[in-house]
Protein backbone atom coordinates (compact mmCIF):
# COMPACT_ATOMS: atom_id res chain seq x y z
CA LEU A 1 20.67 -8.02 -6.12
CA ILE A 2 19.48 -6.64 -2.71
CA LYS A 3 17.42 -4.03 -4.34
CA GLU A 4 15.71 -6.65 -6.46
CA GLU A 5 15.01 -8.95 -3.59
CA THR A 6 13.62 -6.04 -1.53
CA GLU A 7 11.42 -4.99 -4.46
CA GLN A 8 10.13 -8.74 -4.69
CA MET A 9 9.45 -8.67 -0.92
CA ILE A 10 7.51 -5.46 -1.15
CA ASP A 11 5.51 -6.66 -4.11
CA LYS A 12 4.75 -9.87 -2.37
CA ALA A 13 3.53 -8.00 0.78
CA VAL A 14 1.45 -5.57 -1.22
CA LYS A 15 -0.34 -8.53 -3.02
CA SER A 16 -1.10 -10.13 0.38
CA LEU A 17 -3.23 -7.23 1.44
CA PRO A 18 -7.09 -7.24 1.31
CA PRO A 19 -8.29 -6.03 -2.21
CA ARG A 20 -9.28 -2.47 -1.15
CA GLN A 21 -6.06 -1.85 0.76
CA ARG A 22 -4.07 -3.17 -2.10
CA PHE A 23 -5.84 -0.98 -4.57
CA VAL A 24 -5.21 2.11 -2.51
CA ILE A 25 -1.57 1.42 -2.12
CA GLU A 26 -1.10 0.64 -5.74
CA GLU A 27 -3.03 3.82 -6.83
CA HIS A 28 -1.03 6.00 -4.37
CA PHE A 29 2.46 4.63 -4.81
CA TRP A 30 2.49 3.28 -8.28
CA LYS A 31 0.20 5.75 -9.95
CA ASN A 32 1.16 8.77 -7.72
CA LYS A 33 -2.42 9.61 -6.79
CA SER A 34 -3.37 11.37 -3.66
CA LEU A 35 -5.89 9.82 -1.32
CA ARG A 36 -8.41 12.56 -2.17
CA GLN A 37 -7.96 11.85 -5.89
CA ILE A 38 -8.35 8.12 -5.40
CA ALA A 39 -11.64 8.73 -3.49
CA LYS A 40 -12.94 11.11 -6.03
CA GLU A 41 -12.24 9.01 -9.08
CA ASN A 42 -13.76 5.90 -7.50
CA ASN A 43 -16.79 7.59 -5.87
CA LEU A 44 -15.47 6.71 -2.40
CA HIS A 45 -15.49 8.64 0.88
CA LEU A 46 -12.12 10.13 1.63
CA SER A 47 -12.30 8.72 5.17
CA SER A 48 -12.76 5.13 3.67
CA VAL A 49 -9.73 5.63 1.51
CA ALA A 50 -7.69 7.05 4.39
CA GLU A 51 -8.64 4.17 6.65
CA ALA A 52 -7.64 1.62 4.07
CA TYR A 53 -4.35 3.38 3.35
CA HIS A 54 -3.44 3.51 7.14
CA SER A 55 -4.50 -0.10 7.74
CA ALA A 56 -2.48 -1.19 4.72
CA MET A 57 0.63 0.75 5.80
CA SER A 58 0.39 -0.68 9.21
CA LYS A 59 0.26 -4.28 7.89
CA LEU A 60 3.06 -3.54 5.31
CA GLY A 61 5.12 -2.15 8.19
CA ALA A 62 4.66 -5.34 10.18
CA LEU A 63 5.28 -7.53 7.15
CA LEU A 64 8.39 -5.79 6.03
CA LYS A 65 9.95 -4.81 9.43
CA HIS A 66 12.68 -7.34 9.02
CA ILE A 67 13.98 -5.63 5.87
CA TYR A 68 15.18 -2.78 8.09
CA ASP A 69 16.31 -4.78 11.01
CA PHE A 70 19.79 -5.69 9.90
């Protein structure tokens, strides 16, 4: 039950991200693509993908901090 609730909280947090950040996170974690691969496949600069990734991870960390605080 706890695992299911945690997965739901993570899914909700990811869905709350801005579109580019959400896209990068979903491609990286759910489709197991590297940031370089995401950039190449979508004709984006690697630095833009990396920035979106790091911003998203920071936001997710803040949103999900309470999961690991007990």
